[in-house]
Amino acid sequence: VSTQSTGDSKELILGVLSLKELLALIQSQNPEIINFSTLSPIPLFSTWLHERLAIAAKSHHDDQLLKPSEKSSLLLLSSSNSNPYVKLQEILLSNWKENDELKVTLEPILMRLAACYLLK
């Protein structure tokens, strides 16, 4: 890892360095940073989410996985299912990324759930 000055900012150049080593380096230079995240696909997030949705769908006890407003948004989407957890499972297994209405509805829900997963 090296940094190069590009005017007023520094550019981080990644070489052959593990993520763990990179985080240690960043934290040694910036001890105020406590939480780290990645823009890469989040490992096992999909598995975690599908497991939580399945449990909530079967038990009818959501343990606050979805907020009331998120449940309402999901129920407004066209589908015959009235269980927001089952509906979200069905949507996630579909080609939802090709549907603008679904993307707009799901983005804030999935971002919040990903943050919950990362901070668990």
PDB file of N, CA and C in Angstrom:
ATOM      1  N   VAL A   1       0.852  -1.173   0.000  1.00  0.00           N
ATOM      2  CA  VAL A   1       0.000   0.000   0.000  1.00  0.00           C
ATOM      3  C   VAL A   1       0.890   1.226   0.000  1.00  0.00           C
ATOM      4  N   SER A   2       0.533   2.190  -0.802  1.00  0.00           N
ATOM      5  CA  SER A   2       1.244   3.453  -0.782  1.00  0.00           C
ATOM      6  C   SER A   2       0.248   4.558  -1.076  1.00  0.00           C
ATOM      7  N   THR A   3       0.610   5.760  -0.712  1.00  0.00           N
ATOM      8  CA  THR A   3      -0.242   6.893  -1.039  1.00  0.00           C
ATOM      9  C   THR A   3       0.535   7.823  -1.941  1.00  0.00           C
ATOM     10  N   GLN A   4      -0.195   8.421  -2.858  1.00  0.00           N
ATOM     11  CA  GLN A   4       0.414   9.389  -3.747  1.00  0.00           C
ATOM     12  C   GLN A   4      -0.358  10.685  -3.629  1.00  0.00           C
ATOM     13  N   SER A   5       0.362  11.775  -3.553  1.00  0.00           N
ATOM     14  CA  SER A   5      -0.285  13.073  -3.481  1.00  0.00           C
ATOM     15  C   SER A   5      -0.784  13.464  -4.863  1.00  0.00           C
ATOM     16  N   THR A   6      -2.065  13.800  -4.939  1.00  0.00           N
ATOM     17  CA  THR A   6      -2.656  14.263  -6.199  1.00  0.00           C
ATOM     18  C   THR A   6      -3.283  15.620  -5.936  1.00  0.00           C
ATOM     19  N   GLY A   7      -2.455  16.634  -5.841  1.00  0.00           N
ATOM     20  CA  GLY A   7      -2.974  17.968  -5.530  1.00  0.00           C
ATOM     21  C   GLY A   7      -3.269  18.074  -4.055  1.00  0.00           C
ATOM     22  N   ASP A   8      -4.543  18.320  -3.731  1.00  0.00           N
ATOM     23  CA  ASP A   8      -4.944  18.503  -2.339  1.00  0.00           C
ATOM     24  C   ASP A   8      -5.288  17.211  -1.626  1.00  0.00           C
ATOM     25  N   SER A   9      -5.372  16.107  -2.347  1.00  0.00           N
ATOM     26  CA  SER A   9      -5.773  14.858  -1.711  1.00  0.00           C
ATOM     27  C   SER A   9      -4.713  13.796  -1.924  1.00  0.00           C
ATOM     28  N   LYS A  10      -4.882  12.691  -1.215  1.00  0.00           N
ATOM     29  CA  LYS A  10      -3.974  11.563  -1.372  1.00  0.00           C
ATOM     30  C   LYS A  10      -4.742  10.407  -1.977  1.00  0.00           C
ATOM     31  N   GLU A  11      -4.113   9.676  -2.838  1.00  0.00           N
ATOM     32  CA  GLU A  11      -4.717   8.519  -3.487  1.00  0.00           C
ATOM     33  C   GLU A  11      -4.091   7.277  -2.884  1.00  0.00           C
ATOM     34  N   LEU A  12      -4.908   6.330  -2.495  1.00  0.00           N
ATOM     35  CA  LEU A  12      -4.417   5.089  -1.910  1.00  0.00           C
ATOM     36  C   LEU A  12      -4.168   4.076  -3.014  1.00  0.00           C
ATOM     37  N   ILE A  13      -2.966   3.579  -3.093  1.00  0.00           N
ATOM     38  CA  ILE A  13      -2.609   2.591  -4.097  1.00  0.00           C
ATOM     39  C   ILE A  13      -2.463   1.247  -3.385  1.00  0.00           C
ATOM     40  N   LEU A  14      -3.284   0.278  -3.786  1.00  0.00           N
ATOM     41  CA  LEU A  14      -3.253  -1.035  -3.152  1.00  0.00           C
ATOM     42  C   LEU A  14      -2.323  -1.961  -3.907  1.00  0.00           C
ATOM     43  N   GLY A  15      -1.433  -2.574  -3.195  1.00  0.00           N
ATOM     44  CA  GLY A  15      -0.563  -3.573  -3.779  1.00  0.00           C
ATOM     45  C   GLY A  15      -1.027  -4.930  -3.294  1.00  0.00           C
ATOM     46  N   VAL A  16      -0.088  -5.785  -3.020  1.00  0.00           N
ATOM     47  CA  VAL A  16      -0.403  -7.121  -2.527  1.00  0.00           C
ATOM     48  C   VAL A  16      -0.428  -7.044  -1.007  1.00  0.00           C
ATOM     49  N   LEU A  17      -1.548  -6.618  -0.478  1.00  0.00           N
ATOM     50  CA  LEU A  17      -1.692  -6.437   0.961  1.00  0.00           C
ATOM     51  C   LEU A  17      -3.068  -6.971   1.343  1.00  0.00           C
ATOM     52  N   SER A  18      -3.112  -7.737   2.397  1.00  0.00           N
ATOM     53  CA  SER A  18      -4.403  -8.291   2.798  1.00  0.00           C
ATOM     54  C   SER A  18      -5.274  -7.184   3.379  1.00  0.00           C
ATOM     55  N   LEU A  19      -6.563  -7.406   3.345  1.00  0.00           N
ATOM     56  CA  LEU A  19      -7.507  -6.443   3.893  1.00  0.00           C
ATOM     57  C   LEU A  19      -7.220  -6.215   5.370  1.00  0.00           C
ATOM     58  N   LYS A  20      -6.887  -7.274   6.079  1.00  0.00           N
ATOM     59  CA  LYS A  20      -6.588  -7.160   7.504  1.00  0.00           C
ATOM     60  C   LYS A  20      -5.374  -6.253   7.731  1.00  0.00           C
ATOM     61  N   GLU A  21      -4.353  -6.405   6.922  1.00  0.00           N
ATOM     62  CA  GLU A  21      -3.158  -5.563   7.044  1.00  0.00           C
ATOM     63  C   GLU A  21      -3.478  -4.115   6.683  1.00  0.00           C
ATOM     64  N   LEU A  22      -4.304  -3.930   5.666  1.00  0.00           N
ATOM     65  CA  LEU A  22      -4.690  -2.594   5.254  1.00  0.00           C
ATOM     66  C   LEU A  22      -5.457  -1.890   6.370  1.00  0.00           C
ATOM     67  N   LEU A  23      -6.402  -2.592   6.979  1.00  0.00           N
ATOM     68  CA  LEU A  23      -7.178  -1.999   8.061  1.00  0.00           C
ATOM     69  C   LEU A  23      -6.295  -1.646   9.249  1.00  0.00           C
ATOM     70  N   ALA A  24      -5.343  -2.515   9.563  1.00  0.00           N
ATOM     71  CA  ALA A  24      -4.415  -2.237  10.664  1.00  0.00           C
ATOM     72  C   ALA A  24      -3.611  -0.974  10.362  1.00  0.00           C
ATOM     73  N   LEU A  25      -3.162  -0.835   9.128  1.00  0.00           N
ATOM     74  CA  LEU A  25      -2.397   0.345   8.723  1.00  0.00           C
ATOM     75  C   LEU A  25      -3.239   1.613   8.828  1.00  0.00           C
ATOM     76  N   ILE A  26      -4.453   1.551   8.306  1.00  0.00           N
ATOM     77  CA  ILE A  26      -5.346   2.715   8.362  1.00  0.00           C
ATOM     78  C   ILE A  26      -5.625   3.095   9.811  1.00  0.00           C
ATOM     79  N   GLN A  27      -5.905   2.095  10.641  1.00  0.00           N
ATOM     80  CA  GLN A  27      -6.231   2.385  12.035  1.00  0.00           C
ATOM     81  C   GLN A  27      -5.014   2.913  12.800  1.00  0.00           C
ATOM     82  N   SER A  28      -3.817   2.448  12.464  1.00  0.00           N
ATOM     83  CA  SER A  28      -2.625   2.963  13.149  1.00  0.00           C
ATOM     84  C   SER A  28      -2.398   4.435  12.812  1.00  0.00           C
ATOM     85  N   GLN A  29      -2.783   4.834  11.612  1.00  0.00           N
ATOM     86  CA  GLN A  29      -2.615   6.222  11.197  1.00  0.00           C
ATOM     87  C   GLN A  29      -3.819   7.098  11.561  1.00  0.00           C
ATOM     88  N   ASN A  30      -4.963   6.453  11.825  1.00  0.00           N
ATOM     89  CA  ASN A  30      -6.201   7.174  12.148  1.00  0.00           C
ATOM     90  C   ASN A  30      -6.924   6.455  13.278  1.00  0.00           C
ATOM     91  N   PRO A  31      -6.406   6.535  14.515  1.00  0.00           N
ATOM     92  CA  PRO A  31      -6.993   5.765  15.622  1.00  0.00           C
ATOM     93  C   PRO A  31      -8.441   6.128  15.946  1.00  0.00           C
ATOM     94  N   GLU A  32      -8.907   7.290  15.466  1.00  0.00           N
ATOM     95  CA  GLU A  32     -10.295   7.677  15.727  1.00  0.00           C
ATOM     96  C   GLU A  32     -11.286   6.852  14.913  1.00  0.00           C
ATOM     97  N   ILE A  33     -10.809   6.184  13.867  1.00  0.00           N
ATOM     98  CA  ILE A  33     -11.688   5.335  13.063  1.00  0.00           C
ATOM     99  C   ILE A  33     -11.870   4.008  13.789  1.00  0.00           C
ATOM    100  N   ILE A  34     -13.110   3.701  14.106  1.00  0.00           N
ATOM    101  CA  ILE A  34     -13.415   2.493  14.885  1.00  0.00           C
ATOM    102  C   ILE A  34     -14.076   1.427  14.023  1.00  0.00           C
ATOM    103  N   ASN A  35     -15.030   1.847  13.193  1.00  0.00           N
ATOM    104  CA  ASN A  35     -15.786   0.913  12.363  1.00  0.00           C
ATOM    105  C   ASN A  35     -15.332   1.018  10.918  1.00  0.00           C
ATOM    106  N   PHE A  36     -15.192  -0.132  10.281  1.00  0.00           N
ATOM    107  CA  PHE A  36     -14.797  -0.187   8.879  1.00  0.00           C
ATOM    108  C   PHE A  36     -15.869  -0.916   8.097  1.00  0.00           C
ATOM    109  N   SER A  37     -15.975  -0.590   6.841  1.00  0.00           N
ATOM    110  CA  SER A  37     -16.910  -1.267   5.961  1.00  0.00           C
ATOM    111  C   SER A  37     -16.271  -1.341   4.585  1.00  0.00           C
ATOM    112  N   THR A  38     -16.882  -2.103   3.712  1.00  0.00           N
ATOM    113  CA  THR A  38     -16.371  -2.264   2.362  1.00  0.00           C
ATOM    114  C   THR A  38     -17.485  -2.002   1.371  1.00  0.00           C
ATOM    115  N   LEU A  39     -17.116  -1.554   0.208  1.00  0.00           N
ATOM    116  CA  LEU A  39     -18.095  -1.381  -0.858  1.00  0.00           C
ATOM    117  C   LEU A  39     -18.191  -2.636  -1.710  1.00  0.00           C
ATOM    118  N   SER A  40     -17.386  -3.615  -1.380  1.00  0.00           N
ATOM    119  CA  SER A  40     -17.433  -4.898  -2.071  1.00  0.00           C
ATOM    120  C   SER A  40     -18.690  -5.641  -1.638  1.00  0.00           C
ATOM    121  N   PRO A  41     -19.049  -6.686  -2.357  1.00  0.00           N
ATOM    122  CA  PRO A  41     -20.171  -7.493  -1.878  1.00  0.00           C
ATOM    123  C   PRO A  41     -19.920  -7.918  -0.430  1.00  0.00           C
ATOM    124  N   ILE A  42     -20.944  -7.842   0.363  1.00  0.00           N
ATOM    125  CA  ILE A  42     -20.799  -8.136   1.790  1.00  0.00           C
ATOM    126  C   ILE A  42     -20.882  -9.645   1.975  1.00  0.00           C
ATOM    127  N   PRO A  43     -19.798 -10.266   2.440  1.00  0.00           N
ATOM    128  CA  PRO A  43     -19.792 -11.726   2.597  1.00  0.00           C
ATOM    129  C   PRO A  43     -20.913 -12.212   3.517  1.00  0.00           C
ATOM    130  N   LEU A  44     -21.667 -13.165   3.045  1.00  0.00           N
ATOM    131  CA  LEU A  44     -22.726 -13.864   3.781  1.00  0.00           C
ATOM    132  C   LEU A  44     -23.934 -12.999   4.143  1.00  0.00           C
ATOM    133  N   PHE A  45     -24.002 -11.760   3.643  1.00  0.00           N
ATOM    134  CA  PHE A  45     -25.166 -10.923   3.930  1.00  0.00           C
ATOM    135  C   PHE A  45     -26.434 -11.550   3.374  1.00  0.00           C
ATOM    136  N   SER A  46     -26.374 -12.014   2.144  1.00  0.00           N
ATOM    137  CA  SER A  46     -27.549 -12.613   1.512  1.00  0.00           C
ATOM    138  C   SER A  46     -28.039 -13.822   2.307  1.00  0.00           C
ATOM    139  N   THR A  47     -27.108 -14.660   2.725  1.00  0.00           N
ATOM    140  CA  THR A  47     -27.466 -15.846   3.524  1.00  0.00           C
ATOM    141  C   THR A  47     -28.118 -15.419   4.830  1.00  0.00           C
ATOM    142  N   TRP A  48     -27.505 -14.471   5.513  1.00  0.00           N
ATOM    143  CA  TRP A  48     -28.034 -13.961   6.782  1.00  0.00           C
ATOM    144  C   TRP A  48     -29.438 -13.408   6.590  1.00  0.00           C
ATOM    145  N   LEU A  49     -29.617 -12.594   5.540  1.00  0.00           N
ATOM    146  CA  LEU A  49     -30.916 -11.971   5.307  1.00  0.00           C
ATOM    147  C   LEU A  49     -31.984 -13.012   4.998  1.00  0.00           C
ATOM    148  N   HIS A  50     -31.684 -13.968   4.126  1.00  0.00           N
ATOM    149  CA  HIS A  50     -32.677 -14.995   3.790  1.00  0.00           C
ATOM    150  C   HIS A  50     -33.038 -15.841   5.010  1.00  0.00           C
ATOM    151  N   GLU A  51     -32.068 -16.138   5.857  1.00  0.00           N
ATOM    152  CA  GLU A  51     -32.362 -16.894   7.082  1.00  0.00           C
ATOM    153  C   GLU A  51     -33.274 -16.096   8.004  1.00  0.00           C
ATOM    154  N   ARG A  52     -32.981 -14.836   8.193  1.00  0.00           N
ATOM    155  CA  ARG A  52     -33.803 -13.986   9.066  1.00  0.00           C
ATOM    156  C   ARG A  52     -35.212 -13.814   8.501  1.00  0.00           C
ATOM    157  N   LEU A  53     -35.315 -13.645   7.186  1.00  0.00           N
ATOM    158  CA  LEU A  53     -36.633 -13.499   6.566  1.00  0.00           C
ATOM    159  C   LEU A  53     -37.442 -14.779   6.700  1.00  0.00           C
ATOM    160  N   ALA A  54     -36.795 -15.923   6.530  1.00  0.00           N
ATOM    161  CA  ALA A  54     -37.500 -17.205   6.651  1.00  0.00           C
ATOM    162  C   ALA A  54     -38.028 -17.397   8.070  1.00  0.00           C
ATOM    163  N   ILE A  55     -37.226 -17.086   9.053  1.00  0.00           N
ATOM    164  CA  ILE A  55     -37.650 -17.215  10.451  1.00  0.00           C
ATOM    165  C   ILE A  55     -38.822 -16.276  10.733  1.00  0.00           C
ATOM    166  N   ALA A  56     -38.712 -15.020  10.294  1.00  0.00           N
ATOM    167  CA  ALA A  56     -39.776 -14.046  10.529  1.00  0.00           C
ATOM    168  C   ALA A  56     -41.057 -14.446   9.802  1.00  0.00           C
ATOM    169  N   ALA A  57     -40.936 -14.973   8.587  1.00  0.00           N
ATOM    170  CA  ALA A  57     -42.117 -15.364   7.814  1.00  0.00           C
ATOM    171  C   ALA A  57     -42.854 -16.526   8.464  1.00  0.00           C
ATOM    172  N   LYS A  58     -42.107 -17.472   9.001  1.00  0.00           N
ATOM    173  CA  LYS A  58     -42.733 -18.659   9.610  1.00  0.00           C
ATOM    174  C   LYS A  58     -43.298 -18.377  10.993  1.00  0.00           C
ATOM    175  N   SER A  59     -42.594 -17.598  11.774  1.00  0.00           N
ATOM    176  CA  SER A  59     -42.984 -17.404  13.166  1.00  0.00           C
ATOM    177  C   SER A  59     -43.961 -16.256  13.361  1.00  0.00           C
ATOM    178  N   HIS A  60     -44.117 -15.416  12.351  1.00  0.00           N
ATOM    179  CA  HIS A  60     -44.933 -14.211  12.471  1.00  0.00           C
ATOM    180  C   HIS A  60     -44.434 -13.317  13.605  1.00  0.00           C
ATOM    181  N   HIS A  61     -43.201 -13.541  14.017  1.00  0.00           N
ATOM    182  CA  HIS A  61     -42.553 -12.693  15.019  1.00  0.00           C
ATOM    183  C   HIS A  61     -41.315 -12.122  14.364  1.00  0.00           C
ATOM    184  N   ASP A  62     -41.356 -10.842  14.046  1.00  0.00           N
ATOM    185  CA  ASP A  62     -40.302 -10.273  13.224  1.00  0.00           C
ATOM    186  C   ASP A  62     -39.075  -9.806  13.982  1.00  0.00           C
ATOM    187  N   ASP A  63     -39.095  -9.752  15.262  1.00  0.00           N
ATOM    188  CA  ASP A  63     -38.014  -9.208  16.086  1.00  0.00           C
ATOM    189  C   ASP A  63     -37.454  -7.923  15.483  1.00  0.00           C
ATOM    190  N   GLN A  64     -38.347  -7.137  14.905  1.00  0.00           N
ATOM    191  CA  GLN A  64     -38.032  -5.823  14.355  1.00  0.00           C
ATOM    192  C   GLN A  64     -37.046  -5.864  13.188  1.00  0.00           C
ATOM    193  N   LEU A  65     -37.075  -6.941  12.416  1.00  0.00           N
ATOM    194  CA  LEU A  65     -36.235  -7.020  11.233  1.00  0.00           C
ATOM    195  C   LEU A  65     -36.620  -5.923  10.243  1.00  0.00           C
ATOM    196  N   LEU A  66     -37.919  -5.754  10.049  1.00  0.00           N
ATOM    197  CA  LEU A  66     -38.416  -4.690   9.172  1.00  0.00           C
ATOM    198  C   LEU A  66     -39.165  -3.664  10.008  1.00  0.00           C
ATOM    199  N   LYS A  67     -38.961  -2.404   9.662  1.00  0.00           N
ATOM    200  CA  LYS A  67     -39.696  -1.331  10.321  1.00  0.00           C
ATOM    201  C   LYS A  67     -41.126  -1.318   9.784  1.00  0.00           C
ATOM    202  N   PRO A  68     -42.076  -0.796  10.563  1.00  0.00           N
ATOM    203  CA  PRO A  68     -43.465  -0.734  10.073  1.00  0.00           C
ATOM    204  C   PRO A  68     -43.590  -0.042   8.716  1.00  0.00           C
ATOM    205  N   SER A  69     -42.851   1.044   8.501  1.00  0.00           N
ATOM    206  CA  SER A  69     -42.926   1.743   7.208  1.00  0.00           C
ATOM    207  C   SER A  69     -42.379   0.875   6.071  1.00  0.00           C
ATOM    208  N   GLU A  70     -41.384   0.042   6.365  1.00  0.00           N
ATOM    209  CA  GLU A  70     -40.833  -0.857   5.345  1.00  0.00           C
ATOM    210  C   GLU A  70     -41.839  -1.948   4.996  1.00  0.00           C
ATOM    211  N   LYS A  71     -42.510  -2.456   6.020  1.00  0.00           N
ATOM    212  CA  LYS A  71     -43.552  -3.463   5.778  1.00  0.00           C
ATOM    213  C   LYS A  71     -44.647  -2.879   4.891  1.00  0.00           C
ATOM    214  N   SER A  72     -45.057  -1.652   5.199  1.00  0.00           N
ATOM    215  CA  SER A  72     -46.102  -0.998   4.406  1.00  0.00           C
ATOM    216  C   SER A  72     -45.661  -0.813   2.959  1.00  0.00           C
ATOM    217  N   SER A  73     -44.424  -0.371   2.772  1.00  0.00           N
ATOM    218  CA  SER A  73     -43.906  -0.176   1.404  1.00  0.00           C
ATOM    219  C   SER A  73     -43.908  -1.484   0.627  1.00  0.00           C
ATOM    220  N   LEU A  74     -43.510  -2.558   1.283  1.00  0.00           N
ATOM    221  CA  LEU A  74     -43.477  -3.858   0.620  1.00  0.00           C
ATOM    222  C   LEU A  74     -44.881  -4.339   0.283  1.00  0.00           C
ATOM    223  N   LEU A  75     -45.823  -4.112   1.183  1.00  0.00           N
ATOM    224  CA  LEU A  75     -47.191  -4.569   0.954  1.00  0.00           C
ATOM    225  C   LEU A  75     -47.885  -3.778  -0.157  1.00  0.00           C
ATOM    226  N   LEU A  76     -47.410  -2.569  -0.450  1.00  0.00           N
ATOM    227  CA  LEU A  76     -47.995  -1.774  -1.531  1.00  0.00           C
ATOM    228  C   LEU A  76     -47.565  -2.266  -2.914  1.00  0.00           C
ATOM    229  N   LEU A  77     -46.505  -3.045  -2.960  1.00  0.00           N
ATOM    230  CA  LEU A  77     -46.042  -3.580  -4.238  1.00  0.00           C
ATOM    231  C   LEU A  77     -47.004  -4.637  -4.730  1.00  0.00           C
ATOM    232  N   SER A  78     -47.155  -4.753  -6.025  1.00  0.00           N
ATOM    233  CA  SER A  78     -48.124  -5.700  -6.584  1.00  0.00           C
ATOM    234  C   SER A  78     -47.692  -7.145  -6.340  1.00  0.00           C
ATOM    235  N   SER A  79     -48.472  -7.827  -5.579  1.00  0.00           N
ATOM    236  CA  SER A  79     -48.276  -9.246  -5.295  1.00  0.00           C
ATOM    237  C   SER A  79     -49.449  -9.705  -4.455  1.00  0.00           C
ATOM    238  N   SER A  80     -49.729 -10.972  -4.522  1.00  0.00           N
ATOM    239  CA  SER A  80     -50.862 -11.490  -3.768  1.00  0.00           C
ATOM    240  C   SER A  80     -50.512 -11.802  -2.322  1.00  0.00           C
ATOM    241  N   ASN A  81     -49.237 -11.850  -1.994  1.00  0.00           N
ATOM    242  CA  ASN A  81     -48.833 -12.233  -0.650  1.00  0.00           C
ATOM    243  C   ASN A  81     -48.965 -11.064   0.312  1.00  0.00           C
ATOM    244  N   SER A  82     -49.583 -11.321   1.470  1.00  0.00           N
ATOM    245  CA  SER A  82     -49.781 -10.258   2.460  1.00  0.00           C
ATOM    246  C   SER A  82     -48.757 -10.321   3.597  1.00  0.00           C
ATOM    247  N   ASN A  83     -47.803 -11.220   3.499  1.00  0.00           N
ATOM    248  CA  ASN A  83     -46.746 -11.306   4.505  1.00  0.00           C
ATOM    249  C   ASN A  83     -45.522 -10.562   3.950  1.00  0.00           C
ATOM    250  N   PRO A  84     -45.133  -9.436   4.576  1.00  0.00           N
ATOM    251  CA  PRO A  84     -44.030  -8.645   4.007  1.00  0.00           C
ATOM    252  C   PRO A  84     -42.707  -9.402   3.955  1.00  0.00           C
ATOM    253  N   TYR A  85     -42.518 -10.365   4.848  1.00  0.00           N
ATOM    254  CA  TYR A  85     -41.268 -11.132   4.859  1.00  0.00           C
ATOM    255  C   TYR A  85     -41.214 -12.099   3.681  1.00  0.00           C
ATOM    256  N   VAL A  86     -42.336 -12.753   3.418  1.00  0.00           N
ATOM    257  CA  VAL A  86     -42.418 -13.651   2.264  1.00  0.00           C
ATOM    258  C   VAL A  86     -42.313 -12.831   0.981  1.00  0.00           C
ATOM    259  N   LYS A  87     -42.982 -11.689   0.961  1.00  0.00           N
ATOM    260  CA  LYS A  87     -42.934 -10.832  -0.221  1.00  0.00           C
ATOM    261  C   LYS A  87     -41.501 -10.390  -0.513  1.00  0.00           C
ATOM    262  N   LEU A  88     -40.765  -9.981   0.531  1.00  0.00           N
ATOM    263  CA  LEU A  88     -39.378  -9.564   0.323  1.00  0.00           C
ATOM    264  C   LEU A  88     -38.529 -10.740  -0.164  1.00  0.00           C
ATOM    265  N   GLN A  89     -38.761 -11.927   0.394  1.00  0.00           N
ATOM    266  CA  GLN A  89     -38.035 -13.117  -0.074  1.00  0.00           C
ATOM    267  C   GLN A  89     -38.300 -13.352  -1.571  1.00  0.00           C
ATOM    268  N   GLU A  90     -39.563 -13.282  -1.958  1.00  0.00           N
ATOM    269  CA  GLU A  90     -39.932 -13.502  -3.361  1.00  0.00           C
ATOM    270  C   GLU A  90     -39.288 -12.466  -4.273  1.00  0.00           C
ATOM    271  N   ILE A  91     -39.313 -11.211  -3.847  1.00  0.00           N
ATOM    272  CA  ILE A  91     -38.728 -10.141  -4.657  1.00  0.00           C
ATOM    273  C   ILE A  91     -37.232 -10.355  -4.816  1.00  0.00           C
ATOM    274  N   LEU A  92     -36.557 -10.700  -3.742  1.00  0.00           N
ATOM    275  CA  LEU A  92     -35.109 -10.880  -3.795  1.00  0.00           C
ATOM    276  C   LEU A  92     -34.709 -12.049  -4.694  1.00  0.00           C
ATOM    277  N   LEU A  93     -35.603 -13.019  -4.865  1.00  0.00           N
ATOM    278  CA  LEU A  93     -35.324 -14.155  -5.737  1.00  0.00           C
ATOM    279  C   LEU A  93     -35.711 -13.882  -7.188  1.00  0.00           C
ATOM    280  N   SER A  94     -36.311 -12.719  -7.429  1.00  0.00           N
ATOM    281  CA  SER A  94     -36.724 -12.347  -8.788  1.00  0.00           C
ATOM    282  C   SER A  94     -35.644 -11.477  -9.436  1.00  0.00           C
ATOM    283  N   ASN A  95     -35.961 -10.942 -10.595  1.00  0.00           N
ATOM    284  CA  ASN A  95     -35.058 -10.015 -11.297  1.00  0.00           C
ATOM    285  C   ASN A  95     -35.365  -8.579 -10.883  1.00  0.00           C
ATOM    286  N   TRP A  96     -35.444  -8.317  -9.589  1.00  0.00           N
ATOM    287  CA  TRP A  96     -35.864  -7.021  -9.070  1.00  0.00           C
ATOM    288  C   TRP A  96     -34.956  -5.876  -9.499  1.00  0.00           C
ATOM    289  N   LYS A  97     -33.714  -6.161  -9.795  1.00  0.00           N
ATOM    290  CA  LYS A  97     -32.769  -5.094 -10.171  1.00  0.00           C
ATOM    291  C   LYS A  97     -33.128  -4.468 -11.514  1.00  0.00           C
ATOM    292  N   GLU A  98     -33.965  -5.134 -12.282  1.00  0.00           N
ATOM    293  CA  GLU A  98     -34.390  -4.622 -13.585  1.00  0.00           C
ATOM    294  C   GLU A  98     -35.675  -3.796 -13.491  1.00  0.00           C
ATOM    295  N   ASN A  99     -36.240  -3.680 -12.286  1.00  0.00           N
ATOM    296  CA  ASN A  99     -37.495  -2.971 -12.086  1.00  0.00           C
ATOM    297  C   ASN A  99     -37.233  -1.722 -11.246  1.00  0.00           C
ATOM    298  N   ASP A 100     -37.417  -0.551 -11.852  1.00  0.00           N
ATOM    299  CA  ASP A 100     -37.099   0.705 -11.162  1.00  0.00           C
ATOM    300  C   ASP A 100     -37.923   0.908  -9.896  1.00  0.00           C
ATOM    301  N   GLU A 101     -39.203   0.544  -9.929  1.00  0.00           N
ATOM    302  CA  GLU A 101     -40.057   0.705  -8.748  1.00  0.00           C
ATOM    303  C   GLU A 101     -39.535  -0.153  -7.591  1.00  0.00           C
ATOM    304  N   LEU A 102     -39.158  -1.382  -7.900  1.00  0.00           N
ATOM    305  CA  LEU A 102     -38.633  -2.263  -6.856  1.00  0.00           C
ATOM    306  C   LEU A 102     -37.294  -1.753  -6.329  1.00  0.00           C
ATOM    307  N   LYS A 103     -36.434  -1.280  -7.215  1.00  0.00           N
ATOM    308  CA  LYS A 103     -35.130  -0.754  -6.775  1.00  0.00           C
ATOM    309  C   LYS A 103     -35.307   0.422  -5.820  1.00  0.00           C
ATOM    310  N   VAL A 104     -36.205   1.326  -6.162  1.00  0.00           N
ATOM    311  CA  VAL A 104     -36.444   2.502  -5.313  1.00  0.00           C
ATOM    312  C   VAL A 104     -36.989   2.085  -3.949  1.00  0.00           C
ATOM    313  N   THR A 105     -37.858   1.104  -3.935  1.00  0.00           N
ATOM    314  CA  THR A 105     -38.444   0.632  -2.679  1.00  0.00           C
ATOM    315  C   THR A 105     -37.431  -0.146  -1.848  1.00  0.00           C
ATOM    316  N   LEU A 106     -36.662  -1.002  -2.506  1.00  0.00           N
ATOM    317  CA  LEU A 106     -35.752  -1.891  -1.771  1.00  0.00           C
ATOM    318  C   LEU A 106     -34.452  -1.242  -1.310  1.00  0.00           C
ATOM    319  N   GLU A 107     -33.978  -0.249  -2.035  1.00  0.00           N
ATOM    320  CA  GLU A 107     -32.665   0.321  -1.696  1.00  0.00           C
ATOM    321  C   GLU A 107     -32.555   0.759  -0.239  1.00  0.00           C
ATOM    322  N   PRO A 108     -33.462   1.583   0.287  1.00  0.00           N
ATOM    323  CA  PRO A 108     -33.304   1.994   1.688  1.00  0.00           C
ATOM    324  C   PRO A 108     -33.467   0.826   2.667  1.00  0.00           C
ATOM    325  N   ILE A 109     -34.324  -0.120   2.326  1.00  0.00           N
ATOM    326  CA  ILE A 109     -34.530  -1.284   3.198  1.00  0.00           C
ATOM    327  C   ILE A 109     -33.264  -2.124   3.246  1.00  0.00           C
ATOM    328  N   LEU A 110     -32.708  -2.424   2.076  1.00  0.00           N
ATOM    329  CA  LEU A 110     -31.511  -3.262   2.025  1.00  0.00           C
ATOM    330  C   LEU A 110     -30.293  -2.551   2.593  1.00  0.00           C
ATOM    331  N   MET A 111     -30.196  -1.242   2.398  1.00  0.00           N
ATOM    332  CA  MET A 111     -29.074  -0.495   2.980  1.00  0.00           C
ATOM    333  C   MET A 111     -29.127  -0.552   4.500  1.00  0.00           C
ATOM    334  N   ARG A 112     -30.316  -0.380   5.076  1.00  0.00           N
ATOM    335  CA  ARG A 112     -30.452  -0.434   6.529  1.00  0.00           C
ATOM    336  C   ARG A 112     -30.149  -1.832   7.054  1.00  0.00           C
ATOM    337  N   LEU A 113     -30.665  -2.845   6.363  1.00  0.00           N
ATOM    338  CA  LEU A 113     -30.412  -4.224   6.796  1.00  0.00           C
ATOM    339  C   LEU A 113     -28.934  -4.587   6.664  1.00  0.00           C
ATOM    340  N   ALA A 114     -28.272  -4.097   5.626  1.00  0.00           N
ATOM    341  CA  ALA A 114     -26.833  -4.350   5.476  1.00  0.00           C
ATOM    342  C   ALA A 114     -26.063  -3.682   6.603  1.00  0.00           C
ATOM    343  N   ALA A 115     -26.460  -2.483   6.973  1.00  0.00           N
ATOM    344  CA  ALA A 115     -25.799  -1.796   8.099  1.00  0.00           C
ATOM    345  C   ALA A 115     -26.011  -2.583   9.388  1.00  0.00           C
ATOM    346  N   CYS A 116     -27.218  -3.095   9.593  1.00  0.00           N
ATOM    347  CA  CYS A 116     -27.497  -3.913  10.789  1.00  0.00           C
ATOM    348  C   CYS A 116     -26.605  -5.149  10.783  1.00  0.00           C
ATOM    349  N   TYR A 117     -26.475  -5.776   9.633  1.00  0.00           N
ATOM    350  CA  TYR A 117     -25.634  -6.977   9.511  1.00  0.00           C
ATOM    351  C   TYR A 117     -24.176  -6.646   9.830  1.00  0.00           C
ATOM    352  N   LEU A 118     -23.678  -5.552   9.276  1.00  0.00           N
ATOM    353  CA  LEU A 118     -22.280  -5.194   9.480  1.00  0.00           C
ATOM    354  C   LEU A 118     -21.981  -4.802  10.919  1.00  0.00           C
ATOM    355  N   LEU A 119     -22.971  -4.259  11.616  1.00  0.00           N
ATOM    356  CA  LEU A 119     -22.754  -3.811  12.991  1.00  0.00           C
ATOM    357  C   LEU A 119     -23.179  -4.821  14.039  1.00  0.00           C
ATOM    358  N   LYS A 120     -23.637  -5.995  13.582  1.00  0.00           N
ATOM    359  CA  LYS A 120     -24.121  -7.004  14.553  1.00  0.00           C
ATOM    360  C   LYS A 120     -23.001  -7.568  15.387  1.00  0.00           C
TER     361      LYS A 120
END
